[in-house]
Amino acid sequence: MKSRRSLLTLAGALMICAASWAQAVYPSKPIRMIVPFPPGGGSDTVARAVAARLSESWRVPVLVDNKPGGNTLIAAEAAAKAPADGYTLFVAIDSTLAMNQSLYAKLPYDPIQSFTPVTLAVSMPMVLAVHPQVSAHNVKDLLALAKQQDGKLAYAHGALPAQVAGEVFKVNAATSMLAVPYKGGAPAMTDVVGGTVPVIFDALGPAMPFIKSGKVRALAVTSKARSAQLPDVPTLAEAGVSGIDLVTWIGFVVPAGVDKAIVGKLNAELVRILNLREVREQFGGMGMEVVASTPEQFSQIIKDDAVKFGRIIKAAGIRLD
């Protein structure tokens, strides 16, 4: 009996030593960041800014792996099935973890069980914008134009939050418009700037350079309060369309089962990077607010937003399957 207890004690000690050793040598090989959109969008911008600094501080390659399509389902499934060793990070957005379960009857991953939150990186409102040659200079003009075109006025969206924003806008404004989906915000904005599609719903971060350069004209933001980066642009409520308060976010998660010590190490370094002055200024200039949360805070936000967005999606009658 005593020998058995000794063996169990030794086994426990070895397990603790193994975990400590794993933490001590992590990271010792390249890290992959899976992004669910093409290069150039908000998630990709955040990923590349963080990846460059993470690679520099940890002295290992940090590779950005763009896997667009399927309303982030393709990338989410790949991330969920990756080894739980801390060498795969998923750059998730709110739709992946807090909307999809209300939009699809079946998902190839579980938003809660398949991932371990690391940190909520940034948040931002979405923006309703138009090509400069569109005659609408405010939301009231846009609604009149949509009525005039009898539901054929097209708007682009490149991510699910923007799609939800568009659908909720149509319901709350009692209007009809034609949704044109893209695999990401970057290609959607490219077609709006080029005049192929006249209107867009997009996250404020990636849209900011085009707004500042005059390539698109912002009509309203989807948040409850105006954006500090666009103080002259009204909220949708101020523009006459009430009941819309949508703020999108980007965060880092890892596959479920990653050692807590590694999650803690990742969180500490990502939070340090996100709080760097130059990073805050870069993201702030793009309309993004740095959050840099703890894993526990991010977990609670995911759960709270799942309830919030579920209510909004149900009220708007949106289904994607």
Protein backbone atom coordinates (compact mmCIF):
# COMPACT_ATOMS: atom_id res chain seq x y z
CA MET A 1 0.00 0.00 0.00
CA LYS A 2 2.82 2.32 0.96
CA SER A 3 4.64 1.50 -2.28
CA ARG A 4 1.48 2.27 -4.27
CA ARG A 5 1.09 5.63 -2.55
CA SER A 6 4.73 6.39 -3.31
CA LEU A 7 4.20 5.57 -6.97
CA LEU A 8 1.12 7.78 -7.13
CA THR A 9 3.02 10.60 -5.45
CA LEU A 10 5.88 10.16 -7.90
CA ALA A 11 3.48 10.12 -10.85
CA GLY A 12 1.85 13.32 -9.62
CA ALA A 13 5.20 14.97 -9.17
CA LEU A 14 6.24 13.94 -12.69
CA MET A 15 3.02 15.39 -14.13
CA ILE A 16 3.67 18.70 -12.36
CA CYS A 17 7.25 18.71 -13.58
CA ALA A 18 6.12 17.94 -17.13
CA ALA A 19 3.61 20.81 -17.06
CA SER A 20 6.25 23.16 -15.65
CA TRP A 21 8.73 22.04 -18.31
CA ALA A 22 6.15 22.58 -21.08
CA GLN A 23 5.47 26.08 -19.80
CA ALA A 24 9.18 26.84 -19.49
CA VAL A 25 10.00 25.85 -23.10
CA TYR A 26 6.85 27.39 -24.63
CA PRO A 27 7.07 28.67 -27.26
CA SER A 28 9.74 26.62 -29.00
CA LYS A 29 8.34 26.45 -32.55
CA PRO A 30 6.31 28.61 -34.98
CA ILE A 31 2.89 29.85 -33.88
CA ARG A 32 0.00 30.03 -36.33
CA MET A 33 -2.71 32.72 -36.22
CA ILE A 34 -5.80 31.68 -38.16
CA VAL A 35 -7.75 34.65 -39.56
CA PRO A 36 -11.25 33.99 -40.97
CA PHE A 37 -10.99 36.70 -43.66
CA PRO A 38 -8.77 37.64 -46.63
CA PRO A 39 -5.79 39.96 -46.12
CA GLY A 40 -6.60 43.64 -45.64
CA GLY A 41 -9.62 43.52 -43.34
CA GLY A 42 -9.89 44.48 -39.67
CA SER A 43 -9.14 41.02 -38.26
CA ASP A 44 -6.16 40.63 -40.56
CA THR A 45 -4.80 44.05 -39.59
CA VAL A 46 -5.05 43.24 -35.88
CA ALA A 47 -3.51 39.80 -36.40
CA ARG A 48 -0.53 41.09 -38.38
CA ALA A 49 0.20 43.96 -36.00
CA VAL A 50 0.17 41.59 -33.01
CA ALA A 51 1.95 38.73 -34.81
CA ALA A 52 4.93 40.91 -35.77
CA ARG A 53 5.47 42.04 -32.18
CA LEU A 54 4.83 38.60 -30.70
CA SER A 55 7.40 37.08 -33.05
CA GLU A 56 9.91 39.78 -32.09
CA SER A 57 9.47 39.35 -28.34
CA TRP A 58 9.28 35.55 -28.29
CA ARG A 59 11.84 35.00 -31.06
CA VAL A 60 9.74 32.46 -32.95
CA PRO A 61 7.93 32.87 -36.28
CA VAL A 62 4.26 33.85 -35.90
CA LEU A 63 2.49 33.08 -39.15
CA VAL A 64 -0.84 34.60 -40.20
CA ASP A 65 -3.00 32.00 -41.97
CA ASN A 66 -5.96 33.55 -43.82
CA LYS A 67 -8.89 31.13 -44.22
CA PRO A 68 -11.84 33.15 -45.57
CA GLY A 69 -15.32 31.96 -46.43
CA GLY A 70 -18.40 30.39 -44.91
CA ASN A 71 -19.14 33.27 -42.51
CA THR A 72 -15.96 32.31 -40.57
CA LEU A 73 -17.08 28.65 -40.26
CA ILE A 74 -14.15 27.32 -42.32
CA ALA A 75 -11.53 29.02 -40.17
CA ALA A 76 -13.36 28.27 -36.91
CA GLU A 77 -13.54 24.55 -37.71
CA ALA A 78 -9.83 24.46 -38.58
CA ALA A 79 -8.95 26.22 -35.33
CA ALA A 80 -11.23 24.02 -33.22
CA LYS A 81 -9.59 20.87 -34.64
CA ALA A 82 -6.01 22.13 -34.20
CA PRO A 83 -3.80 20.53 -31.52
CA ALA A 84 -4.38 21.96 -28.05
CA ASP A 85 -0.74 22.87 -27.54
CA GLY A 86 -0.83 26.67 -27.67
CA TYR A 87 0.70 26.89 -31.14
CA THR A 88 -2.57 27.77 -32.89
CA LEU A 89 -4.37 31.04 -32.17
CA PHE A 90 -7.72 31.88 -33.71
CA VAL A 91 -8.50 35.53 -34.40
CA ALA A 92 -12.23 35.33 -33.69
CA ILE A 93 -14.95 37.92 -34.17
CA ASP A 94 -18.27 38.27 -32.39
CA SER A 95 -20.23 36.45 -35.09
CA THR A 96 -18.08 33.32 -34.72
CA LEU A 97 -18.53 33.00 -30.98
CA ALA A 98 -21.75 34.91 -30.20
CA MET A 99 -23.95 34.96 -33.34
CA ASN A 100 -23.54 31.80 -35.39
CA GLN A 101 -25.34 29.59 -32.87
CA SER A 102 -28.48 31.70 -33.43
CA LEU A 103 -28.13 31.69 -37.21
CA TYR A 104 -27.33 28.05 -37.99
CA ALA A 105 -29.10 24.89 -36.89
CA LYS A 106 -25.76 23.05 -36.85
CA LEU A 107 -22.17 24.27 -36.54
CA PRO A 108 -18.88 22.40 -37.15
CA TYR A 109 -17.67 23.67 -33.76
CA ASP A 110 -19.12 24.66 -30.38
CA PRO A 111 -18.64 28.40 -29.68
CA ILE A 112 -18.15 27.75 -25.96
CA GLN A 113 -16.78 24.20 -25.69
CA SER A 114 -14.38 24.22 -28.67
CA PHE A 115 -12.27 27.19 -27.58
CA THR A 116 -10.54 28.75 -24.60
CA PRO A 117 -10.66 32.57 -24.59
CA VAL A 118 -7.30 34.35 -24.27
CA THR A 119 -8.13 38.05 -24.62
CA LEU A 120 -10.64 40.38 -26.21
CA ALA A 121 -8.38 42.59 -28.32
CA VAL A 122 -10.43 45.45 -29.77
CA SER A 123 -14.01 46.61 -30.21
CA MET A 124 -15.60 49.07 -32.65
CA PRO A 125 -18.98 50.08 -34.05
CA MET A 126 -20.00 49.37 -37.61
CA VAL A 127 -20.58 52.13 -40.11
CA LEU A 128 -23.13 52.68 -42.86
CA ALA A 129 -21.34 54.34 -45.79
CA VAL A 130 -21.91 55.12 -49.46
CA HIS A 131 -19.87 55.80 -52.59
CA PRO A 132 -19.28 59.59 -52.93
CA GLN A 133 -21.37 59.75 -56.11
CA VAL A 134 -24.46 58.35 -54.36
CA SER A 135 -26.96 61.20 -53.96
CA ALA A 136 -27.71 60.29 -50.31
CA HIS A 137 -25.90 62.57 -47.84
CA ASN A 138 -27.70 61.25 -44.75
CA VAL A 139 -29.78 58.25 -43.68
CA LYS A 140 -33.04 59.99 -44.54
CA ASP A 141 -31.82 60.51 -48.12
CA LEU A 142 -30.71 56.87 -48.29
CA LEU A 143 -34.11 55.59 -47.21
CA ALA A 144 -35.78 57.78 -49.83
CA LEU A 145 -33.38 56.41 -52.46
CA ALA A 146 -34.11 52.82 -51.38
CA LYS A 147 -37.83 53.47 -51.71
CA GLN A 148 -37.33 55.05 -55.11
CA GLN A 149 -35.38 52.01 -56.33
CA ASP A 150 -38.07 49.66 -55.01
CA GLY A 151 -35.77 47.42 -52.96
CA LYS A 152 -33.03 47.15 -55.60
CA LEU A 153 -30.57 49.51 -53.91
CA ALA A 154 -27.61 47.21 -53.15
CA TYR A 155 -25.38 47.20 -50.09
CA ALA A 156 -22.21 45.18 -49.59
CA HIS A 157 -21.23 43.31 -46.45
CA GLY A 158 -18.15 41.22 -45.89
CA ALA A 159 -18.67 39.76 -42.43
CA LEU A 160 -21.61 38.43 -40.47
CA PRO A 161 -21.81 41.36 -38.02
CA ALA A 162 -22.19 43.70 -40.99
CA GLN A 163 -24.82 41.39 -42.47
CA VAL A 164 -26.74 41.38 -39.20
CA ALA A 165 -26.43 45.17 -39.01
CA GLY A 166 -27.86 45.45 -42.52
CA GLU A 167 -30.78 43.14 -41.80
CA VAL A 168 -31.60 44.86 -38.51
CA PHE A 169 -31.37 48.24 -40.25
CA LYS A 170 -33.87 47.16 -42.89
CA VAL A 171 -36.29 45.88 -40.26
CA ASN A 172 -36.02 48.90 -37.97
CA ALA A 173 -36.12 51.39 -40.84
CA ALA A 174 -38.99 49.54 -42.53
CA THR A 175 -37.12 49.58 -45.83
CA SER A 176 -36.02 47.10 -48.48
CA MET A 177 -32.49 46.84 -49.90
CA LEU A 178 -30.52 44.19 -51.77
CA ALA A 179 -27.74 42.49 -49.74
CA VAL A 180 -24.56 41.60 -51.65
CA PRO A 181 -22.31 39.23 -49.64
CA TYR A 182 -18.51 39.09 -49.86
CA LYS A 183 -15.90 36.84 -48.25
CA GLY A 184 -14.47 39.74 -46.27
CA GLY A 185 -14.66 43.45 -45.63
CA ALA A 186 -11.67 44.23 -47.89
CA PRO A 187 -13.18 42.89 -51.14
CA ALA A 188 -16.56 44.39 -50.20
CA MET A 189 -15.00 47.82 -49.73
CA THR A 190 -13.01 47.45 -52.95
CA ASP A 191 -16.24 47.09 -54.94
CA VAL A 192 -17.90 50.01 -53.16
CA VAL A 193 -14.90 52.28 -53.77
CA GLY A 194 -14.90 51.12 -57.39
CA GLY A 195 -18.58 51.96 -57.77
CA THR A 196 -19.76 48.38 -58.35
CA VAL A 197 -21.98 48.50 -55.22
CA PRO A 198 -23.20 51.88 -53.89
CA VAL A 199 -23.65 51.16 -50.17
CA ILE A 200 -21.78 49.23 -47.48
CA PHE A 201 -22.09 48.13 -43.88
CA ASP A 202 -18.59 47.56 -42.50
CA ALA A 203 -16.65 47.57 -39.25
CA LEU A 204 -15.39 51.07 -38.56
CA GLY A 205 -11.75 50.00 -38.20
CA PRO A 206 -11.08 48.81 -41.76
CA ALA A 207 -13.46 51.44 -43.19
CA MET A 208 -11.68 54.40 -41.56
CA PRO A 209 -8.92 54.91 -44.20
CA PHE A 210 -11.54 55.04 -46.96
CA ILE A 211 -13.70 57.46 -44.99
CA LYS A 212 -10.73 59.72 -44.21
CA SER A 213 -9.59 59.73 -47.85
CA GLY A 214 -13.09 60.54 -49.10
CA LYS A 215 -13.40 57.32 -51.08
CA VAL A 216 -16.63 56.57 -49.19
CA ARG A 217 -18.96 58.84 -47.22
CA ALA A 218 -20.04 57.76 -43.74
CA LEU A 219 -23.73 58.28 -42.97
CA ALA A 220 -24.07 56.73 -39.49
CA VAL A 221 -22.51 54.40 -36.94
CA THR A 222 -24.31 51.47 -35.31
CA SER A 223 -23.25 52.13 -31.71
CA LYS A 224 -25.27 53.81 -28.97
CA ALA A 225 -22.85 56.74 -28.85
CA ARG A 226 -20.91 58.50 -31.59
CA SER A 227 -17.38 57.34 -32.37
CA ALA A 228 -14.60 59.55 -31.05
CA GLN A 229 -12.89 59.04 -34.42
CA LEU A 230 -15.95 60.30 -36.34
CA PRO A 231 -17.54 62.88 -34.03
CA ASP A 232 -19.51 64.50 -36.86
CA VAL A 233 -21.14 61.23 -37.95
CA PRO A 234 -24.43 60.53 -36.16
CA THR A 235 -25.58 57.26 -34.66
CA LEU A 236 -28.41 55.48 -36.45
CA ALA A 237 -30.72 56.49 -33.60
CA GLU A 238 -29.79 60.14 -34.09
CA ALA A 239 -30.38 59.67 -37.82
CA GLY A 240 -33.92 58.46 -37.18
CA VAL A 241 -33.52 54.65 -37.07
CA SER A 242 -33.92 53.58 -33.44
CA GLY A 243 -33.31 50.29 -31.66
CA ILE A 244 -29.85 49.52 -33.07
CA ASP A 245 -26.83 49.21 -30.77
CA LEU A 246 -24.28 46.94 -32.42
CA VAL A 247 -20.58 46.94 -31.55
CA THR A 248 -18.35 44.33 -33.14
CA TRP A 249 -15.14 42.94 -31.64
CA ILE A 250 -12.02 40.92 -32.41
CA GLY A 251 -10.37 38.60 -29.91
CA PHE A 252 -7.86 35.77 -29.56
CA VAL A 253 -8.82 32.23 -28.56
CA VAL A 254 -7.05 28.87 -28.58
CA PRO A 255 -8.43 25.35 -29.00
CA ALA A 256 -10.03 23.95 -25.85
CA GLY A 257 -7.67 21.98 -23.65
CA VAL A 258 -4.60 24.20 -23.88
CA ASP A 259 -2.68 24.19 -20.59
CA LYS A 260 -3.78 27.05 -18.29
CA ALA A 261 -0.21 28.13 -17.78
CA ILE A 262 0.23 28.58 -21.54
CA VAL A 263 -3.08 30.47 -21.79
CA GLY A 264 -1.86 32.74 -19.00
CA LYS A 265 1.48 33.30 -20.72
CA LEU A 266 -0.28 34.11 -24.01
CA ASN A 267 -2.68 36.48 -22.28
CA ALA A 268 0.09 38.37 -20.51
CA GLU A 269 2.09 38.88 -23.71
CA LEU A 270 -0.89 39.76 -25.93
CA VAL A 271 -2.17 42.27 -23.36
CA ARG A 272 1.32 43.80 -23.14
CA ILE A 273 1.43 44.17 -26.93
CA LEU A 274 -2.08 45.58 -27.19
CA ASN A 275 -1.29 48.18 -24.55
CA LEU A 276 1.83 49.42 -26.33
CA ARG A 277 1.43 53.11 -27.14
CA GLU A 278 2.11 52.65 -30.85
CA VAL A 279 -0.40 49.80 -31.08
CA ARG A 280 -3.10 51.78 -29.28
CA GLU A 281 -2.43 54.73 -31.58
CA GLN A 282 -2.48 52.54 -34.70
CA PHE A 283 -5.77 50.86 -33.78
CA GLY A 284 -7.27 54.06 -32.38
CA GLY A 285 -6.58 55.83 -35.66
CA MET A 286 -8.56 53.08 -37.35
CA GLY A 287 -11.59 53.51 -35.11
CA MET A 288 -10.75 50.51 -32.92
CA GLU A 289 -10.77 50.69 -29.13
CA VAL A 290 -8.19 48.44 -27.44
CA VAL A 291 -9.77 46.29 -24.71
CA ALA A 292 -7.01 43.81 -23.74
CA SER A 293 -9.10 41.74 -21.31
CA THR A 294 -8.41 38.77 -19.08
CA PRO A 295 -9.53 35.32 -20.30
CA GLU A 296 -12.33 35.35 -17.71
CA GLN A 297 -13.62 38.75 -18.83
CA PHE A 298 -13.57 37.67 -22.47
CA SER A 299 -15.43 34.47 -21.61
CA GLN A 300 -18.19 36.45 -19.91
CA ILE A 301 -18.47 38.88 -22.83
CA ILE A 302 -18.91 35.97 -25.24
CA LYS A 303 -21.71 34.52 -23.12
CA ASP A 304 -23.44 37.90 -22.62
CA ASP A 305 -23.22 38.78 -26.32
CA ALA A 306 -24.59 35.39 -27.34
CA VAL A 307 -27.74 36.24 -25.39
CA LYS A 308 -27.86 39.82 -26.71
CA PHE A 309 -27.29 38.95 -30.36
CA GLY A 310 -29.57 35.93 -30.13
CA ARG A 311 -32.37 38.26 -29.10
CA ILE A 312 -31.59 40.73 -31.91
CA ILE A 313 -31.30 38.01 -34.57
CA LYS A 314 -34.56 36.36 -33.51
CA ALA A 315 -36.40 39.71 -33.54
CA ALA A 316 -35.08 40.44 -37.04
CA GLY A 317 -35.98 36.94 -38.25
CA ILE A 318 -32.50 36.20 -39.66
CA ARG A 319 -31.54 32.60 -40.55
CA LEU A 320 -28.62 31.40 -42.64
CA ASP A 321 -29.32 27.69 -43.07
